[in-house]
Amino acid sequence: MTEECQARWEATEEQIETIIIPAMKNIAQQCAGYGEKLQCPPAFIAVMLRDIADAFDEKPAEGESSCGCC
C-alpha cells in the first residue's frame, strides 16, 4: 500500500470494533502461546512480529500495485 493509499483509507468504527481489535487480540494470544512453546524471551516474538510487519511494508516491484486504489 502506498503512502497515498494509506492517507486515503481509514477504518470505520465498526471495522475497528468487529475486525481490527479482535484480530489484534487473537494475534497477541497466538504469539504468547508460541513464546510459551518455544520458551523464548518476549523480545524474540517481537522480532518475529517486526519481520512480518516489514513484509507488509515492502514496496511492490516497479509497475505493480499492491492495492486497488493506486
C-alpha atoms as a PDB file:
ATOM      1  CA  MET A   1       0.000   0.000   0.000  1.00  0.00           C
ATOM      2  CA  THR A   2       1.493   3.340  -0.944  1.00  0.00           C
ATOM      3  CA  GLU A   3       1.588   6.379   1.297  1.00  0.00           C
ATOM      4  CA  GLU A   4      -1.195   7.866  -0.838  1.00  0.00           C
ATOM      5  CA  CYS A   5      -3.371   4.801  -0.239  1.00  0.00           C
ATOM      6  CA  GLN A   6      -2.625   4.913   3.476  1.00  0.00           C
ATOM      7  CA  ALA A   7      -3.652   8.552   3.616  1.00  0.00           C
ATOM      8  CA  ARG A   8      -6.950   7.848   1.850  1.00  0.00           C
ATOM      9  CA  TRP A   9      -8.055   4.731   3.713  1.00  0.00           C
ATOM     10  CA  GLU A  10      -9.412   4.901   7.217  1.00  0.00           C
ATOM     11  CA  ALA A  11     -11.078   2.110   9.149  1.00  0.00           C
ATOM     12  CA  THR A  12     -14.656   2.629  10.189  1.00  0.00           C
ATOM     13  CA  GLU A  13     -15.631   2.389  13.843  1.00  0.00           C
ATOM     14  CA  GLU A  14     -17.416  -0.884  13.043  1.00  0.00           C
ATOM     15  CA  GLN A  15     -14.291  -2.323  11.371  1.00  0.00           C
ATOM     16  CA  ILE A  16     -12.201  -1.297  14.361  1.00  0.00           C
ATOM     17  CA  GLU A  17     -14.582  -2.893  16.856  1.00  0.00           C
ATOM     18  CA  THR A  18     -15.512  -6.044  14.936  1.00  0.00           C
ATOM     19  CA  ILE A  19     -12.378  -6.887  12.943  1.00  0.00           C
ATOM     20  CA  ILE A  20      -9.259  -4.956  13.923  1.00  0.00           C
ATOM     21  CA  ILE A  21      -9.366  -5.175  17.730  1.00  0.00           C
ATOM     22  CA  PRO A  22     -10.397  -8.857  17.798  1.00  0.00           C
ATOM     23  CA  ALA A  23      -7.695  -9.695  15.236  1.00  0.00           C
ATOM     24  CA  MET A  24      -5.019  -7.900  17.242  1.00  0.00           C
ATOM     25  CA  LYS A  25      -6.088  -9.699  20.421  1.00  0.00           C
ATOM     26  CA  ASN A  26      -6.046 -13.044  18.615  1.00  0.00           C
ATOM     27  CA  ILE A  27      -2.588 -12.420  17.165  1.00  0.00           C
ATOM     28  CA  ALA A  28      -1.269 -11.382  20.597  1.00  0.00           C
ATOM     29  CA  GLN A  29      -2.675 -14.563  22.179  1.00  0.00           C
ATOM     30  CA  GLN A  30      -1.196 -16.747  19.435  1.00  0.00           C
ATOM     31  CA  CYS A  31       2.202 -15.115  19.812  1.00  0.00           C
ATOM     32  CA  ALA A  32       2.119 -15.509  23.593  1.00  0.00           C
ATOM     33  CA  GLY A  33       1.394 -19.204  23.014  1.00  0.00           C
ATOM     34  CA  TYR A  34       4.353 -19.514  20.648  1.00  0.00           C
ATOM     35  CA  GLY A  35       6.546 -17.845  23.241  1.00  0.00           C
ATOM     36  CA  GLU A  36       5.460 -20.386  25.845  1.00  0.00           C
ATOM     37  CA  LYS A  37       6.012 -23.336  23.492  1.00  0.00           C
ATOM     38  CA  LEU A  38       9.417 -22.052  22.419  1.00  0.00           C
ATOM     39  CA  GLN A  39      10.405 -20.974  25.935  1.00  0.00           C
ATOM     40  CA  CYS A  40      11.904 -17.878  24.350  1.00  0.00           C
ATOM     41  CA  PRO A  41      12.100 -14.300  25.589  1.00  0.00           C
ATOM     42  CA  PRO A  42       9.322 -11.908  24.525  1.00  0.00           C
ATOM     43  CA  ALA A  43      11.917  -9.956  22.524  1.00  0.00           C
ATOM     44  CA  PHE A  44      12.204 -12.904  20.109  1.00  0.00           C
ATOM     45  CA  ILE A  45       8.443 -12.798  19.465  1.00  0.00           C
ATOM     46  CA  ALA A  46       8.771  -9.043  18.902  1.00  0.00           C
ATOM     47  CA  VAL A  47      11.424  -9.712  16.237  1.00  0.00           C
ATOM     48  CA  MET A  48       9.097 -12.203  14.535  1.00  0.00           C
ATOM     49  CA  LEU A  49       6.281  -9.646  14.500  1.00  0.00           C
ATOM     50  CA  ARG A  50       8.585  -6.921  13.139  1.00  0.00           C
ATOM     51  CA  ASP A  51       9.672  -9.242  10.328  1.00  0.00           C
ATOM     52  CA  ILE A  52       6.034  -9.874   9.451  1.00  0.00           C
ATOM     53  CA  ALA A  53       5.275  -6.141   9.543  1.00  0.00           C
ATOM     54  CA  ASP A  54       8.294  -5.447   7.321  1.00  0.00           C
ATOM     55  CA  ALA A  55       6.999  -7.934   4.754  1.00  0.00           C
ATOM     56  CA  PHE A  56       3.768  -5.943   4.547  1.00  0.00           C
ATOM     57  CA  ASP A  57       5.693  -2.664   4.210  1.00  0.00           C
ATOM     58  CA  GLU A  58       7.870  -3.842   1.332  1.00  0.00           C
ATOM     59  CA  LYS A  59       7.439  -1.830  -1.824  1.00  0.00           C
ATOM     60  CA  PRO A  60       5.948  -3.761  -4.764  1.00  0.00           C
ATOM     61  CA  ALA A  61       8.117  -4.245  -7.844  1.00  0.00           C
ATOM     62  CA  GLU A  62       8.051  -1.439 -10.387  1.00  0.00           C
ATOM     63  CA  GLY A  63       4.803  -1.397 -12.323  1.00  0.00           C
ATOM     64  CA  GLU A  64       2.978  -3.437  -9.664  1.00  0.00           C
ATOM     65  CA  SER A  65       0.351  -2.106  -7.304  1.00  0.00           C
ATOM     66  CA  SER A  66      -0.348  -3.823  -4.021  1.00  0.00           C
ATOM     67  CA  CYS A  67      -3.836  -2.372  -3.695  1.00  0.00           C
ATOM     68  CA  GLY A  68      -6.667  -1.363  -5.974  1.00  0.00           C
ATOM     69  CA  CYS A  69      -6.596   2.308  -5.051  1.00  0.00           C
ATOM     70  CA  CYS A  70      -3.432   3.385  -6.869  1.00  0.00           C
END
